[in-house]
Amino acid sequence: MTGRRAFPGHWRDAYGFRVIAHWGGPTSLRVVAATAVLAGMAWVVASAQPWIGEPTTWIHDVQYYYGAGERLNAGHELYAYSIGDRQLTVDPFYFAGPFLYPPLLGVLWRPLALLPYEPVVIAAWAIGLVVFLGSLVWLLRNGGVPVAGGVLLLIVPLVWTAWSGNISTILTPLIIWAWVALGRNRDSAAGAAIGFAAVLKLTPAFLAWWLLVTRRWTALRAAAVVAVASLALSAVGAGPGAYFEYWQVTSLVGRAGGTEASLTALLKGAGASPDVLSLVAPVVSIIGIAAVFLLRDRPRAAFAAAIATGVFASPVFNLTNVSLLLAAFVAVDRELPAKHSFDESTSPIRAPAG
């Protein structure tokens, strides 16, 4: 008895376990995830050391967007430097060209590139930071275990993206918002968001296939209309040959082995030839398309598969691209957008069209 009294109580009575018991597992996991975001952002800021240099020395991605708009305004090539262009060579794949995005992003930056360089770059970076972190706060407040777990698993890509100023700071929240809007039967708005996102950065293009196989006809029509309008805007603002040049650039990146940790980079490390590397994107795309079709009666899982396909098919596998995988965790979280709104037993998406 004396020996037992030396260790009073039970391990479950320890403070941390009592807190978990009081809050419950899901709430505790959300708190841990929120704490991880705060710690991760502190780590990113400490690594960037923004206090030791001009803002444009640690804000990189936005500079590429400004430079793209600037070149188009000058009547120069979007995917190649001309004499007098702003030289930006921070990206490890600058050899493929100064811009690795579809033309629409450069076109959208044309009016912004008419404004002073540094204030615009700082403002765009700050907006992306606020939107992205605000989205994480909303998700952790309203989501369940899958969202909290996804934030923890993706913590490094997420905090890195938040600080980067990359277009993913807007794109990832936009795709998540589209999913929530679909769950609230706001199909036209959700489809428009998906159509715009697909032209802006191709990765979400597989969501159009999801709309088709799950019979979200209203959303699909809206996506098609907005996508066509966005393509037309791209052609007017960057020239009709811009998309051909974009495919040449992406093909060059893929044959070169892609960015570190991409499937093409892993295969290159295993000794695959450039011809094999160029097949990675189409093969992964075909597998993903088949997976989405086979999962069409499970819309949450199918949506997650569409997101994963877009991410892993791309030869550009930066941390900012990986952050889009958070949308896959959101899709399988039954707390979002509302309980049972996408349950297979109650979902209207497979009902015959009337």
Protein backbone atom coordinates (compact mmCIF):
# COMPACT_ATOMS: atom_id res chain seq x y z
CA MET A 1 0.00 0.00 0.00
CA THR A 2 2.85 2.33 0.88
CA GLY A 3 4.39 1.80 -2.54
CA ARG A 4 1.15 2.66 -4.27
CA ARG A 5 0.71 5.85 -2.28
CA ALA A 6 4.11 7.03 -3.49
CA PHE A 7 2.45 7.51 -6.89
CA PRO A 8 -0.98 8.93 -6.05
CA GLY A 9 -3.77 9.00 -8.59
CA HIS A 10 -3.83 7.56 -12.10
CA TRP A 11 -1.98 8.60 -15.26
CA ARG A 12 -5.31 9.76 -16.67
CA ASP A 13 -5.45 12.34 -13.88
CA ALA A 14 -2.40 14.16 -15.27
CA TYR A 15 -3.20 17.74 -16.32
CA GLY A 16 -2.74 17.23 -20.04
CA PHE A 17 -5.01 14.18 -20.14
CA ARG A 18 -7.62 15.96 -18.05
CA VAL A 19 -7.64 18.82 -20.55
CA ILE A 20 -8.10 16.38 -23.44
CA ALA A 21 -10.88 14.62 -21.55
CA HIS A 22 -12.58 17.97 -20.91
CA TRP A 23 -12.21 19.32 -24.45
CA GLY A 24 -12.62 16.04 -26.26
CA GLY A 25 -10.30 14.53 -28.86
CA PRO A 26 -11.38 16.59 -31.91
CA THR A 27 -11.14 19.94 -30.11
CA SER A 28 -7.80 19.01 -28.62
CA LEU A 29 -6.48 18.05 -32.06
CA ARG A 30 -7.66 21.37 -33.50
CA VAL A 31 -5.85 23.22 -30.70
CA VAL A 32 -2.68 21.26 -31.40
CA ALA A 33 -2.96 22.05 -35.10
CA ALA A 34 -3.50 25.77 -34.42
CA THR A 35 -0.47 25.78 -32.13
CA ALA A 36 1.55 24.07 -34.85
CA VAL A 37 0.54 26.81 -37.32
CA LEU A 38 1.70 29.52 -34.90
CA ALA A 39 4.99 27.72 -34.24
CA GLY A 40 5.47 27.07 -37.95
CA MET A 41 4.92 30.69 -38.87
CA ALA A 42 7.41 31.74 -36.20
CA TRP A 43 9.93 29.36 -37.75
CA VAL A 44 9.32 30.71 -41.26
CA VAL A 45 9.66 34.32 -40.14
CA ALA A 46 12.86 33.54 -38.24
CA SER A 47 14.25 31.80 -41.32
CA ALA A 48 13.30 34.62 -43.71
CA GLN A 49 14.65 37.33 -41.37
CA PRO A 50 12.58 40.09 -42.99
CA TRP A 51 14.08 42.67 -40.66
CA ILE A 52 17.54 42.52 -42.28
CA GLY A 53 16.69 43.46 -45.86
CA GLU A 54 14.30 45.18 -48.22
CA PRO A 55 10.95 43.39 -48.60
CA THR A 56 11.66 42.44 -52.19
CA THR A 57 14.71 40.47 -51.04
CA TRP A 58 12.54 37.96 -49.18
CA ILE A 59 9.32 38.15 -51.20
CA HIS A 60 10.05 36.07 -54.27
CA ASP A 61 7.01 34.59 -56.00
CA VAL A 62 5.07 37.83 -56.34
CA GLN A 63 8.02 39.34 -58.18
CA TYR A 64 7.60 36.78 -60.96
CA TYR A 65 3.97 37.75 -61.38
CA TYR A 66 4.79 41.45 -61.52
CA GLY A 67 7.57 40.76 -64.02
CA ALA A 68 5.17 38.78 -66.21
CA GLY A 69 2.67 41.62 -66.31
CA GLU A 70 5.47 44.08 -66.95
CA ARG A 71 6.77 42.12 -69.94
CA LEU A 72 3.30 41.85 -71.46
CA ASN A 73 2.75 45.60 -71.01
CA ALA A 74 5.99 46.22 -72.87
CA GLY A 75 4.91 43.96 -75.74
CA HIS A 76 7.59 41.41 -74.87
CA GLU A 77 7.48 37.61 -74.61
CA LEU A 78 5.80 36.19 -71.52
CA TYR A 79 8.00 33.09 -71.33
CA ALA A 80 11.32 34.60 -72.35
CA TYR A 81 13.39 37.61 -71.40
CA SER A 82 13.90 40.53 -73.78
CA ILE A 83 16.39 43.34 -73.53
CA GLY A 84 15.44 45.69 -70.72
CA ASP A 85 13.22 43.20 -68.84
CA ARG A 86 13.43 42.85 -65.09
CA GLN A 87 15.79 39.91 -64.45
CA LEU A 88 14.58 37.39 -61.82
CA THR A 89 16.63 34.21 -61.48
CA VAL A 90 15.73 32.97 -57.99
CA ASP A 91 13.66 30.04 -59.27
CA PRO A 92 15.80 26.90 -59.83
CA PHE A 93 14.02 26.33 -63.16
CA TYR A 94 14.69 29.79 -64.55
CA PHE A 95 16.51 28.05 -67.44
CA ALA A 96 13.07 27.00 -68.74
CA GLY A 97 11.88 30.59 -68.73
CA PRO A 98 11.05 33.43 -66.36
CA PHE A 99 7.46 32.26 -65.84
CA LEU A 100 6.13 28.75 -65.11
CA TYR A 101 2.40 29.52 -64.95
CA PRO A 102 -0.42 29.60 -67.50
CA PRO A 103 -0.80 32.93 -69.34
CA LEU A 104 -3.88 34.05 -67.38
CA LEU A 105 -1.87 34.90 -64.28
CA GLY A 106 0.43 37.17 -66.25
CA VAL A 107 -2.53 38.84 -67.95
CA LEU A 108 -4.23 39.52 -64.61
CA TRP A 109 -1.05 41.20 -63.42
CA ARG A 110 -0.86 43.60 -66.37
CA PRO A 111 -2.82 46.43 -64.68
CA LEU A 112 -0.95 45.85 -61.39
CA ALA A 113 2.37 46.06 -63.21
CA LEU A 114 1.51 49.63 -64.20
CA LEU A 115 1.80 50.60 -60.52
CA PRO A 116 5.05 51.10 -58.56
CA TYR A 117 6.95 47.84 -58.14
CA GLU A 118 7.74 47.58 -54.43
CA PRO A 119 4.39 48.72 -52.95
CA VAL A 120 2.46 46.36 -55.25
CA VAL A 121 4.68 43.38 -54.45
CA ILE A 122 4.35 44.01 -50.71
CA ALA A 123 0.58 44.52 -50.88
CA ALA A 124 0.01 41.36 -52.92
CA TRP A 125 2.17 39.33 -50.53
CA ALA A 126 0.30 40.73 -47.51
CA ILE A 127 -3.12 39.98 -49.02
CA GLY A 128 -2.10 36.41 -49.75
CA LEU A 129 -0.77 35.97 -46.21
CA VAL A 130 -3.98 37.25 -44.61
CA VAL A 131 -6.30 35.27 -46.89
CA PHE A 132 -4.39 32.02 -46.43
CA LEU A 133 -3.98 32.23 -42.66
CA GLY A 134 -7.58 33.42 -42.31
CA SER A 135 -8.69 30.32 -44.20
CA LEU A 136 -6.71 28.07 -41.87
CA VAL A 137 -8.29 29.73 -38.84
CA TRP A 138 -11.78 29.23 -40.28
CA LEU A 139 -11.09 25.60 -41.11
CA LEU A 140 -9.69 24.77 -37.70
CA ARG A 141 -12.62 26.47 -36.03
CA ASN A 142 -15.30 24.74 -38.09
CA GLY A 143 -13.68 21.54 -39.29
CA GLY A 144 -13.24 18.18 -37.63
CA VAL A 145 -10.50 15.60 -37.19
CA PRO A 146 -9.62 15.23 -40.93
CA VAL A 147 -8.98 18.97 -41.32
CA ALA A 148 -6.92 19.20 -38.13
CA GLY A 149 -4.98 16.09 -39.12
CA GLY A 150 -4.40 17.48 -42.59
CA VAL A 151 -3.05 20.74 -41.19
CA LEU A 152 -0.63 18.80 -38.99
CA LEU A 153 0.52 16.53 -41.83
CA LEU A 154 0.96 19.47 -44.22
CA ILE A 155 2.22 21.98 -41.66
CA VAL A 156 5.51 22.72 -43.44
CA PRO A 157 3.97 23.30 -46.89
CA LEU A 158 1.16 25.34 -45.34
CA VAL A 159 3.27 27.79 -43.37
CA TRP A 160 5.75 28.06 -46.21
CA THR A 161 2.95 28.83 -48.64
CA ALA A 162 1.43 31.41 -46.30
CA TRP A 163 4.69 33.37 -46.27
CA SER A 164 5.62 32.86 -49.92
CA GLY A 165 3.18 35.19 -51.67
CA ASN A 166 2.60 32.36 -54.16
CA ILE A 167 -0.69 32.27 -56.04
CA SER A 168 -1.53 29.18 -53.94
CA THR A 169 -2.29 31.56 -51.06
CA ILE A 170 -5.40 32.49 -53.06
CA LEU A 171 -5.92 29.31 -55.08
CA THR A 172 -6.08 26.86 -52.15
CA PRO A 173 -8.71 28.90 -50.24
CA LEU A 174 -10.64 29.35 -53.50
CA ILE A 175 -10.85 25.59 -54.10
CA ILE A 176 -11.84 24.98 -50.48
CA TRP A 177 -14.51 27.67 -50.77
CA ALA A 178 -15.80 25.99 -53.95
CA TRP A 179 -16.22 22.71 -52.06
CA VAL A 180 -18.08 24.44 -49.23
CA ALA A 181 -20.28 26.27 -51.75
CA LEU A 182 -21.15 22.97 -53.46
CA GLY A 183 -22.25 21.58 -50.11
CA ARG A 184 -24.53 24.58 -49.67
CA ASN A 185 -26.05 24.13 -53.14
CA ARG A 186 -24.39 27.26 -54.52
CA ASP A 187 -23.40 25.36 -57.62
CA SER A 188 -23.11 28.27 -60.05
CA ALA A 189 -20.66 30.15 -57.84
CA ALA A 190 -18.68 26.99 -57.07
CA GLY A 191 -18.47 26.04 -60.73
CA ALA A 192 -17.31 29.53 -61.67
CA ALA A 193 -14.55 29.30 -59.06
CA ILE A 194 -13.42 25.92 -60.36
CA GLY A 195 -13.43 27.09 -63.99
CA PHE A 196 -11.37 30.15 -63.14
CA ALA A 197 -8.93 28.17 -60.95
CA ALA A 198 -8.41 25.54 -63.66
CA VAL A 199 -7.30 28.16 -66.19
CA LEU A 200 -5.25 30.04 -63.61
CA LYS A 201 -3.13 27.06 -62.60
CA LEU A 202 -4.26 23.85 -64.35
CA THR A 203 -3.85 21.74 -61.17
CA PRO A 204 -7.56 22.11 -60.29
CA ALA A 205 -8.61 21.16 -63.84
CA PHE A 206 -9.43 17.61 -62.73
CA LEU A 207 -12.27 19.04 -60.65
CA ALA A 208 -14.15 19.65 -63.90
CA TRP A 209 -14.09 15.90 -64.45
CA TRP A 210 -15.44 15.47 -60.91
CA LEU A 211 -18.32 17.80 -61.73
CA LEU A 212 -19.09 15.74 -64.82
CA VAL A 213 -19.05 12.27 -63.27
CA THR A 214 -21.00 13.41 -60.20
CA ARG A 215 -23.58 15.14 -62.41
CA ARG A 216 -23.30 18.63 -60.98
CA TRP A 217 -24.63 20.05 -64.23
CA THR A 218 -25.21 23.61 -63.07
CA ALA A 219 -21.72 23.85 -61.64
CA LEU A 220 -20.24 22.25 -64.75
CA ARG A 221 -21.95 24.77 -67.04
CA ALA A 222 -20.70 27.66 -64.91
CA ALA A 223 -17.18 26.20 -64.90
CA ALA A 224 -17.22 25.85 -68.69
CA VAL A 225 -18.44 29.40 -69.26
CA VAL A 226 -15.88 30.95 -66.91
CA ALA A 227 -13.06 28.75 -68.26
CA VAL A 228 -13.80 29.75 -71.86
CA ALA A 229 -13.97 33.42 -70.88
CA SER A 230 -10.68 33.11 -68.99
CA LEU A 231 -9.01 31.42 -71.96
CA ALA A 232 -10.27 34.19 -74.22
CA LEU A 233 -8.92 36.82 -71.85
CA SER A 234 -5.57 35.02 -71.83
CA ALA A 235 -5.44 34.98 -75.63
CA VAL A 236 -6.25 38.67 -75.85
CA GLY A 237 -3.85 39.72 -73.11
CA ALA A 238 -0.90 37.44 -73.87
CA GLY A 239 -1.36 36.49 -77.51
CA PRO A 240 -2.94 33.39 -79.07
CA GLY A 241 0.36 31.49 -79.02
CA ALA A 242 0.94 31.92 -75.29
CA TYR A 243 -0.51 28.55 -74.34
CA PHE A 244 1.67 26.76 -76.87
CA GLU A 245 4.70 28.46 -75.32
CA TYR A 246 3.46 27.47 -71.87
CA TRP A 247 3.26 23.81 -72.86
CA GLN A 248 6.80 24.01 -74.21
CA VAL A 249 8.04 25.38 -70.89
CA THR A 250 6.26 22.76 -68.79
CA SER A 251 7.48 20.01 -71.09
CA LEU A 252 11.04 21.26 -70.67
CA VAL A 253 10.69 21.23 -66.88
CA GLY A 254 9.24 17.72 -66.97
CA ARG A 255 11.97 16.32 -69.21
CA ALA A 256 14.59 17.96 -67.00
CA GLY A 257 13.30 15.95 -64.04
CA GLY A 258 10.84 18.32 -62.43
CA THR A 259 11.31 19.95 -59.07
CA GLU A 260 12.68 18.10 -56.07
CA ALA A 261 10.32 15.43 -54.60
CA SER A 262 8.07 15.37 -57.69
CA LEU A 263 7.41 11.99 -59.28
CA THR A 264 9.52 12.99 -62.27
CA ALA A 265 12.42 13.92 -59.97
CA LEU A 266 12.18 10.58 -58.17
CA LEU A 267 12.20 8.69 -61.46
CA LYS A 268 15.11 10.75 -62.71
CA GLY A 269 17.02 9.77 -59.58
CA ALA A 270 16.30 6.14 -60.45
CA GLY A 271 17.85 6.65 -63.88
CA ALA A 272 14.77 7.20 -66.07
CA SER A 273 15.33 8.80 -69.47
CA PRO A 274 13.83 12.17 -70.44
CA ASP A 275 11.37 10.35 -72.73
CA VAL A 276 10.07 8.35 -69.77
CA LEU A 277 9.91 11.44 -67.57
CA SER A 278 7.71 13.19 -70.14
CA LEU A 279 5.14 10.39 -69.71
CA VAL A 280 4.70 10.90 -65.97
CA ALA A 281 2.08 13.64 -66.20
CA PRO A 282 -0.18 11.85 -68.73
CA VAL A 283 0.08 8.49 -66.94
CA VAL A 284 -0.72 9.96 -63.51
CA SER A 285 -3.54 11.96 -65.08
CA ILE A 286 -5.09 8.84 -66.63
CA ILE A 287 -4.86 6.95 -63.34
CA GLY A 288 -6.41 9.88 -61.48
CA ILE A 289 -9.22 10.28 -64.00
CA ALA A 290 -10.03 6.58 -63.66
CA ALA A 291 -9.96 6.85 -59.85
CA VAL A 292 -12.37 9.79 -59.83
CA PHE A 293 -14.74 7.89 -62.13
CA LEU A 294 -14.65 4.73 -60.00
CA LEU A 295 -15.31 6.81 -56.88
CA ARG A 296 -18.13 8.83 -58.43
CA ASP A 297 -20.69 7.37 -55.99
CA ARG A 298 -18.50 8.57 -53.12
CA PRO A 299 -18.24 12.28 -53.95
CA ARG A 300 -16.01 13.19 -51.02
CA ALA A 301 -13.40 10.60 -51.90
CA ALA A 302 -13.68 11.39 -55.60
CA PHE A 303 -13.09 15.10 -54.96
CA ALA A 304 -10.02 14.26 -52.87
CA ALA A 305 -8.73 12.02 -55.67
CA ALA A 306 -9.18 14.84 -58.20
CA ILE A 307 -7.16 17.18 -56.01
CA ALA A 308 -4.39 14.62 -55.48
CA THR A 309 -4.21 13.90 -59.21
CA GLY A 310 -3.64 17.54 -60.04
CA VAL A 311 -0.89 17.86 -57.44
CA PHE A 312 1.03 14.66 -58.21
CA ALA A 313 0.73 14.83 -62.00
CA SER A 314 2.58 18.13 -62.10
CA PRO A 315 6.37 18.10 -62.58
CA VAL A 316 6.43 21.27 -60.46
CA PHE A 317 6.13 19.88 -56.94
CA ASN A 318 7.02 22.84 -54.76
CA LEU A 319 5.78 23.15 -51.19
CA THR A 320 3.32 25.77 -52.39
CA ASN A 321 1.75 23.20 -54.74
CA VAL A 322 1.52 20.60 -51.99
CA SER A 323 -0.57 22.97 -49.88
CA LEU A 324 -3.47 22.37 -52.26
CA LEU A 325 -3.74 18.86 -50.78
CA LEU A 326 -5.44 20.49 -47.79
CA ALA A 327 -8.57 20.67 -49.97
CA ALA A 328 -8.56 16.86 -50.11
CA PHE A 329 -8.70 16.68 -46.30
CA VAL A 330 -11.48 19.25 -46.29
CA ALA A 331 -13.47 17.14 -48.75
CA VAL A 332 -13.44 14.05 -46.49
CA ASP A 333 -14.28 16.05 -43.36
CA ARG A 334 -17.96 15.47 -42.63
CA GLU A 335 -18.07 18.61 -40.49
CA LEU A 336 -17.60 20.64 -43.67
CA PRO A 337 -19.49 22.20 -45.24
CA ALA A 338 -22.30 20.67 -43.19
CA LYS A 339 -22.93 17.23 -41.77
CA HIS A 340 -24.31 14.72 -44.30
CA SER A 341 -24.40 17.26 -47.15
CA PHE A 342 -22.21 14.93 -49.23
CA ASP A 343 -23.10 11.60 -47.65
CA GLU A 344 -23.60 8.97 -50.31
CA SER A 345 -26.88 7.91 -48.75
CA THR A 346 -28.42 11.35 -49.02
CA SER A 347 -26.47 13.10 -51.75
CA PRO A 348 -28.65 14.16 -54.69
CA ILE A 349 -25.84 14.12 -57.21
CA ARG A 350 -26.51 10.62 -58.48
CA ALA A 351 -30.23 11.12 -58.85
CA PRO A 352 -31.55 10.94 -62.42
CA ALA A 353 -31.77 14.30 -64.11
CA GLY A 354 -35.31 15.59 -64.12
